[in-house]
Amino acid sequence: MKLPFPLINTHTHAAMVGFRGLAEDMPLSKWLEEYIWPAEREKVNPEFVYEKTKEAILEMRKNGIEAFSDMYFFEDEVGRAAEELGMHVLIGEGILDFPTPSAKNADEAFEITEKIFQKYENSRFVKVAVAPHSIYTVSKENLIRAKEMARKHDAPFHIHLAETKKEFDDSMEKNGMTPVSYLDKLGVLDAKTIAAHCVWLTDDDIDILAARKVKVSHCPLSNLKLGSGIAPIAKMIEKGVLVSLGTDGAASSNRLDIWEAGKFAALLQKGINHDPTVLPARTVIEMMSVNGMEALGLENIGGRTREEIRQEISRMKDFSSLYFTNLE
């Protein structure tokens, strides 16, 4: 079927299609530390990122995705691939305190980010974010520094947040507060923040996200595969949080398919809330399209504005197709 709206993927690591199937059936910490990070140290270089990102873009486009937000390494190569294939992207060089395939430390990652801002300043397809990985891989000082850079460029601040119970518990032990409260105390949460996952939240955390107008990227497939949990997105939406959808990388979700993510998002919320009226189909369609555009700062795609697309969705009468994953 041809969709009357674009699909937007607000959180992924496109080049990780190169690691699809590498590590199955394990929790995030083991998956990262014992499999993904070693594989990245061995294989990830500019050419790998460029070639694998092109593969990912072709897969996303086949699945109706017309824009995506990427956090990885050698992100200038992600931008190059997107420009060549005419795909809208928000790129963010992964900033971590320890060595990565593209930077020996956080200082170098900040330098790379600054160069990327300059390189893509006038790009039609590429926008740039500042992308510290998480509260457990980036120091307080560098999280604040990252937000200062984002504000300097009026750019999004993209971070993994409250993804696992381990992250939540570790933050409570180390910081005496939840991951969301910790970032709020640092002053980095605002309307330009894109927080990926947000699985482990208290009611107070949700109130904070709503008050700061944080944009949440919900990644149900990755969260389920890694056993991380189910994000309380129905509560978030009820409180006024803008929620969009992400696939995460193909290594943790296997497919770069926002339509499938939307189906799972809807059914999961209905199931855990024991209420079939929770998260109606129209809301999910908005999450996978116009909400994603807003999160990425895209005013229009293919000559259509967000408001025009929202009106097209409002005119839809049959939403049954949401519960099929095959769009052909």
Foldseek 3Di string as FASTA:
>chain_A
DDDLFAFEAEEAAQLCVVCAPVDFDAADVCCVPVTVQVVQLVDDDLVSSLVSLLVSVVQLVVQRHQEYEHEEANQVSNVVNCLVVVGAYEYEYEAFQDDGNHDRGNVVSVVVLVVSCVVCVPPPRYHYAHEHEAPVGHDLVVLLVRLVVCVVVVAAYEYEALQAVVQQVVCCVPVVHGRLVVVVVSVRQALRYEYEDQADDDLVSLLSCQVRLYEYEHAVQLSVRNVRHHRQVLSSVVSPHLYAYHNYYCNRRVHRHLLVRLLCNLVVNCVVVVHNVGCDLLNSVCRRGLSSCVNNVHQDDPPGGSVRSNVVSVPDDDRPCSNDRDPD
